[in-house]
N, C-alpha and C. Protein backbone atom coordinates (compact mmCIF):
# COMPACT_ATOMS: atom_id res chain seq x y z
N MET A 1 131.57 98.33 144.41
CA MET A 1 130.23 98.16 143.87
C MET A 1 130.12 97.11 143.25
N ASN A 2 129.30 96.39 143.99
CA ASN A 2 129.16 94.99 142.93
C ASN A 2 128.19 94.57 142.39
N LEU A 3 127.76 94.16 141.30
CA LEU A 3 126.59 94.01 140.12
C LEU A 3 126.76 92.37 140.12
N SER A 4 125.45 91.58 140.70
CA SER A 4 125.32 90.37 140.28
C SER A 4 124.56 90.03 139.09
N ASP A 5 123.74 89.19 139.10
CA ASP A 5 123.15 88.63 138.06
C ASP A 5 121.86 89.71 137.39
N GLY A 6 122.07 89.99 136.29
CA GLY A 6 120.66 91.24 136.01
C GLY A 6 121.25 91.87 135.02
N SER A 7 119.97 92.67 134.38
CA SER A 7 120.42 93.99 133.70
C SER A 7 120.25 95.72 134.28
N TYR A 8 121.13 96.69 134.14
CA TYR A 8 121.36 97.47 134.76
C TYR A 8 121.48 98.75 133.60
N TYR A 9 120.64 99.84 133.75
CA TYR A 9 120.79 100.80 133.23
C TYR A 9 121.56 102.07 133.89
N LEU A 10 121.80 103.10 132.97
CA LEU A 10 122.11 103.91 133.44
C LEU A 10 120.75 104.72 133.41
N GLY A 11 120.54 105.96 134.14
CA GLY A 11 119.32 106.84 134.16
C GLY A 11 119.71 108.32 133.86
N GLY A 12 121.07 108.36 134.06
CA GLY A 12 121.59 109.71 134.23
C GLY A 12 123.21 109.53 133.54
N ASN A 13 123.66 110.86 133.83
CA ASN A 13 125.46 110.27 133.77
C ASN A 13 126.25 110.46 135.35
N VAL A 14 126.77 109.32 135.23
CA VAL A 14 127.58 108.65 136.36
C VAL A 14 128.58 108.83 136.46
N THR A 15 129.46 109.29 137.99
CA THR A 15 130.88 109.26 138.08
C THR A 15 131.27 108.61 139.00
N ILE A 16 131.76 107.46 138.93
CA ILE A 16 132.16 106.58 139.84
C ILE A 16 134.07 107.02 140.70
N SER A 17 133.91 106.36 141.41
CA SER A 17 135.36 106.90 141.99
C SER A 17 136.22 105.31 142.40
N GLY A 18 135.76 104.50 141.90
CA GLY A 18 135.97 103.07 142.74
C GLY A 18 135.88 101.77 141.79
N GLU A 19 135.97 100.57 141.49
CA GLU A 19 135.59 99.72 140.41
C GLU A 19 134.45 99.52 140.70
N ILE A 20 133.71 98.46 139.81
CA ILE A 20 132.53 98.11 139.51
C ILE A 20 132.96 96.56 139.33
N THR A 21 132.71 95.45 140.48
CA THR A 21 132.98 94.17 140.17
C THR A 21 131.49 93.76 140.03
N ILE A 22 132.11 92.41 138.55
CA ILE A 22 130.78 92.04 138.44
C ILE A 22 130.69 90.18 139.02
N SER A 23 129.54 89.96 139.58
CA SER A 23 129.66 88.73 140.03
C SER A 23 128.13 87.62 139.88
N GLY A 24 128.41 87.96 138.17
CA GLY A 24 127.53 87.32 137.70
C GLY A 24 127.28 87.23 136.42
N ALA A 25 126.25 87.04 135.09
CA ALA A 25 126.04 87.33 134.05
C ALA A 25 125.05 88.91 133.94
N VAL A 26 125.87 90.02 133.84
CA VAL A 26 125.88 91.14 134.08
C VAL A 26 125.68 91.85 132.70
N THR A 27 124.30 92.30 132.05
CA THR A 27 124.14 93.51 131.08
C THR A 27 124.19 94.98 131.80
N PHE A 28 125.06 95.51 131.18
CA PHE A 28 124.92 96.99 131.55
C PHE A 28 124.69 97.82 130.23
N ASP A 29 123.95 98.78 130.04
CA ASP A 29 123.18 99.67 129.48
C ASP A 29 123.34 100.95 129.98
N LEU A 30 124.79 101.81 128.50
CA LEU A 30 124.52 103.02 129.20
C LEU A 30 123.30 104.17 128.61
N ASN A 31 122.79 103.59 127.91
CA ASN A 31 121.32 103.82 127.50
C ASN A 31 121.55 105.94 127.06
N GLY A 32 122.53 105.74 126.50
CA GLY A 32 122.66 107.35 125.71
C GLY A 32 123.57 108.00 126.70
N TYR A 33 123.74 107.63 128.00
CA TYR A 33 124.31 108.21 129.07
C TYR A 33 125.87 107.89 129.23
N THR A 34 126.78 108.97 130.23
CA THR A 34 128.28 108.83 130.25
C THR A 34 128.13 108.10 131.57
N LEU A 35 128.92 107.12 131.53
CA LEU A 35 130.04 106.57 132.80
C LEU A 35 131.03 107.15 132.90
N THR A 36 131.55 107.82 133.94
CA THR A 36 132.59 108.43 134.06
C THR A 36 133.50 107.97 135.46
N CYS A 37 134.90 107.72 135.31
CA CYS A 37 135.55 107.43 136.19
C CYS A 37 136.68 108.38 136.69
N ASN A 38 136.00 109.05 137.95
CA ASN A 38 137.22 110.25 138.21
C ASN A 38 138.38 109.67 139.00
N ALA A 39 138.86 108.19 139.64
CA ALA A 39 140.17 107.92 139.99
C ALA A 39 140.87 107.41 138.90
N THR A 40 142.27 107.64 139.57
CA THR A 40 143.40 107.02 138.73
C THR A 40 143.91 106.00 138.57
N ASP A 41 144.02 105.14 138.01
CA ASP A 41 145.10 103.85 137.77
C ASP A 41 143.58 103.01 138.57
N GLU A 42 142.70 103.07 138.14
CA GLU A 42 141.48 101.98 139.02
C GLU A 42 140.93 101.63 137.78
N ASP A 43 140.31 100.20 137.18
CA ASP A 43 140.02 99.44 136.58
C ASP A 43 138.08 99.84 137.33
N MET A 44 137.66 100.51 135.94
CA MET A 44 136.08 100.64 135.96
C MET A 44 135.38 98.87 136.46
N PHE A 45 135.62 98.18 135.46
CA PHE A 45 134.90 97.14 135.41
C PHE A 45 135.90 96.00 135.76
N CYS A 46 135.55 94.79 136.40
CA CYS A 46 136.31 93.84 136.87
C CYS A 46 135.13 92.64 136.92
N VAL A 47 135.98 91.63 135.73
CA VAL A 47 135.10 90.49 135.37
C VAL A 47 136.12 89.41 135.65
N TYR A 48 136.02 88.57 136.42
CA TYR A 48 136.58 87.57 136.94
C TYR A 48 136.01 86.00 136.94
N ASP A 49 137.24 84.69 137.06
CA ASP A 49 136.56 83.60 137.08
C ASP A 49 134.66 83.57 136.86
N GLY A 50 135.03 82.88 135.15
CA GLY A 50 133.84 82.76 134.60
C GLY A 50 132.25 83.87 134.77
N LYS A 51 132.42 84.98 135.09
CA LYS A 51 131.48 85.95 135.26
C LYS A 51 131.25 86.46 133.74
N THR A 52 130.20 87.16 133.15
CA THR A 52 130.07 87.93 132.09
C THR A 52 129.49 89.24 131.75
N LEU A 53 130.48 89.75 131.57
CA LEU A 53 129.83 91.46 131.42
C LEU A 53 129.17 91.87 130.05
N THR A 54 128.08 92.37 129.76
CA THR A 54 128.01 92.60 128.56
C THR A 54 127.47 94.47 128.46
N ILE A 55 128.32 94.95 127.52
CA ILE A 55 128.01 96.19 127.97
C ILE A 55 127.30 96.83 126.77
N LYS A 56 126.31 97.67 126.68
CA LYS A 56 125.54 98.05 125.46
C LYS A 56 125.13 99.22 125.39
N ASP A 57 124.08 100.24 124.61
CA ASP A 57 124.04 100.81 124.43
C ASP A 57 122.83 101.48 123.78
N SER A 58 121.24 101.74 124.61
CA SER A 58 120.22 101.39 123.83
C SER A 58 119.53 102.89 123.28
N GLY A 59 120.89 103.98 123.93
CA GLY A 59 120.61 104.87 123.50
C GLY A 59 121.51 105.52 122.09
N THR A 60 121.71 106.94 122.60
CA THR A 60 122.76 107.05 121.47
C THR A 60 123.97 108.18 122.15
N ASP A 61 125.04 107.92 121.58
CA ASP A 61 126.19 108.55 122.52
C ASP A 61 126.69 108.00 123.80
N GLY A 62 126.22 106.95 124.04
CA GLY A 62 126.44 106.38 125.47
C GLY A 62 128.10 106.39 125.41
N THR A 63 128.30 106.54 126.55
CA THR A 63 130.18 106.86 126.63
C THR A 63 130.58 106.09 127.91
N ILE A 64 132.00 105.65 127.84
CA ILE A 64 132.55 105.52 129.15
C ILE A 64 133.79 106.19 128.72
N ASP A 65 133.87 106.72 130.02
CA ASP A 65 134.76 107.79 129.96
C ASP A 65 136.37 107.58 131.15
N GLY A 66 137.63 106.83 131.00
CA GLY A 66 138.01 106.83 132.12
C GLY A 66 139.26 108.20 131.98
N GLN A 67 138.78 109.22 131.55
CA GLN A 67 139.53 110.72 131.46
C GLN A 67 141.24 110.32 131.47
N ASN A 68 141.70 109.29 130.89
CA ASN A 68 142.90 109.41 130.26
C ASN A 68 143.65 109.20 131.80
N LYS A 69 142.99 108.07 132.68
CA LYS A 69 143.59 108.11 134.03
C LYS A 69 143.73 106.97 134.30
N ASN A 70 144.24 106.18 133.31
CA ASN A 70 144.15 104.67 132.85
C ASN A 70 142.91 103.73 133.64
N CYS A 71 141.83 104.18 133.94
CA CYS A 71 140.72 103.35 134.10
C CYS A 71 140.25 102.81 132.74
N GLY A 72 140.24 101.49 133.18
CA GLY A 72 139.80 100.60 131.80
C GLY A 72 138.74 99.22 132.58
N PHE A 73 139.04 98.29 131.78
CA PHE A 73 139.07 96.70 132.30
C PHE A 73 139.55 95.95 132.57
N SER A 74 139.59 94.93 133.81
CA SER A 74 140.00 94.07 134.49
C SER A 74 139.13 92.79 134.04
N VAL A 75 139.87 91.66 132.88
CA VAL A 75 139.38 90.91 132.72
C VAL A 75 140.17 89.41 132.77
N SER A 76 139.55 88.74 133.73
CA SER A 76 140.91 87.25 133.81
C SER A 76 139.77 86.16 134.27
N SER A 77 139.66 84.97 133.15
CA SER A 77 139.01 83.96 133.26
C SER A 77 137.53 84.45 133.48
N GLY A 78 137.14 85.71 132.24
CA GLY A 78 135.97 86.38 132.67
C GLY A 78 135.55 86.78 130.93
N THR A 79 134.22 87.25 130.72
CA THR A 79 133.85 87.41 129.47
C THR A 79 133.55 88.93 129.74
N LEU A 80 134.00 89.78 128.31
CA LEU A 80 133.69 90.89 128.46
C LEU A 80 133.17 91.23 127.04
N ILE A 81 131.64 91.62 126.88
CA ILE A 81 131.06 91.82 125.13
C ILE A 81 130.74 92.87 125.03
N LEU A 82 131.13 93.85 124.10
CA LEU A 82 130.95 95.05 124.29
C LEU A 82 130.06 94.94 122.46
N GLU A 83 128.63 95.48 122.99
CA GLU A 83 127.73 95.31 122.20
C GLU A 83 126.71 96.18 121.73
N SER A 84 127.61 97.51 120.81
CA SER A 84 126.72 98.57 120.36
C SER A 84 127.32 99.15 119.15
N SER A 85 126.45 99.37 118.05
CA SER A 85 127.24 100.06 116.55
C SER A 85 127.10 101.26 117.14
N ILE A 86 127.16 102.04 118.11
CA ILE A 86 127.48 103.21 117.68
C ILE A 86 127.97 104.12 119.62
N MET A 87 128.38 102.73 120.26
CA MET A 87 128.88 103.42 121.80
C MET A 87 130.16 103.48 121.46
N ARG A 88 130.82 104.90 122.25
CA ARG A 88 131.77 105.47 122.32
C ARG A 88 132.50 104.76 123.48
N ILE A 89 133.78 104.57 123.50
CA ILE A 89 134.57 104.54 124.36
C ILE A 89 135.64 105.50 124.34
N ALA A 90 135.66 106.32 125.69
CA ALA A 90 137.21 107.10 125.41
C ALA A 90 138.15 106.50 124.70
N GLU A 91 139.06 107.05 124.60
CA GLU A 91 140.27 106.73 123.65
C GLU A 91 141.38 105.85 124.78
N MET A 92 141.61 106.80 125.45
CA MET A 92 142.41 105.74 126.58
C MET A 92 141.81 104.71 127.43
N THR A 93 140.84 104.49 127.56
CA THR A 93 140.01 103.38 128.17
C THR A 93 139.86 102.03 127.30
N MET A 94 139.72 102.46 126.36
CA MET A 94 139.41 101.38 125.15
C MET A 94 140.65 100.98 124.66
N VAL A 95 141.76 101.28 124.54
CA VAL A 95 143.11 101.06 124.47
C VAL A 95 143.85 100.61 125.03
N MET A 96 143.57 100.78 126.80
CA MET A 96 143.82 99.72 128.02
C MET A 96 143.14 98.60 128.11
N ALA A 97 141.69 98.54 127.66
CA ALA A 97 141.00 97.48 127.63
C ALA A 97 141.43 96.63 125.96
N VAL A 98 141.85 97.19 125.20
CA VAL A 98 142.22 95.93 124.13
C VAL A 98 143.77 95.44 124.59
N LEU A 99 144.68 96.25 124.98
CA LEU A 99 145.81 95.85 125.19
C LEU A 99 145.40 94.54 126.62
N TRP A 100 144.97 95.13 127.37
CA TRP A 100 144.68 94.21 128.62
C TRP A 100 144.61 92.36 128.12
N ILE A 101 143.11 93.35 127.16
CA ILE A 101 142.40 92.04 126.38
C ILE A 101 143.34 91.05 125.81
N LEU A 102 144.56 91.38 125.08
CA LEU A 102 145.65 91.09 124.09
C LEU A 102 146.45 90.26 124.95
N GLU A 103 146.87 90.79 126.04
CA GLU A 103 147.98 90.47 127.09
C GLU A 103 147.62 89.34 127.58
N ARG A 104 146.19 89.14 128.06
CA ARG A 104 145.63 87.96 129.03
C ARG A 104 145.22 86.74 127.74
N THR A 105 144.96 87.15 126.66
CA THR A 105 144.30 86.13 125.43
C THR A 105 146.10 85.54 125.48
N ALA A 106 147.10 86.03 125.38
CA ALA A 106 148.36 85.53 125.11
C ALA A 106 149.02 84.51 125.99
N TYR A 107 148.63 85.16 127.27
CA TYR A 107 148.87 84.06 128.58
C TYR A 107 148.42 83.22 128.90
N SER A 108 147.06 82.99 128.07
CA SER A 108 146.01 81.87 128.53
C SER A 108 146.38 80.89 127.69
N ARG A 109 147.13 80.92 126.71
CA ARG A 109 147.30 80.22 125.42
C ARG A 109 148.63 79.20 125.92
């Protein structure tokens, strides 16, 4: 799936089996729902080449769930912004995202 410039809102719980590639400036609002990835070793969001992804939750308990299958974020020369005080990201997804961001930052210096 490819998301171009714009704002996108979940209208209910959604399960994906492949990656979402960001091809512009995108705001993705969990809107209190859960985005689940049921694939193994798939990046849920890919943000490359100067593109920007802002993830927020205008509802309560919005969740990104990689189901501990190494689903996470791939960010290379792009920007990922997590913007919410309540948003929950399942443990492995967040750990993989943070480790990946730290690794990419170390290589870009």
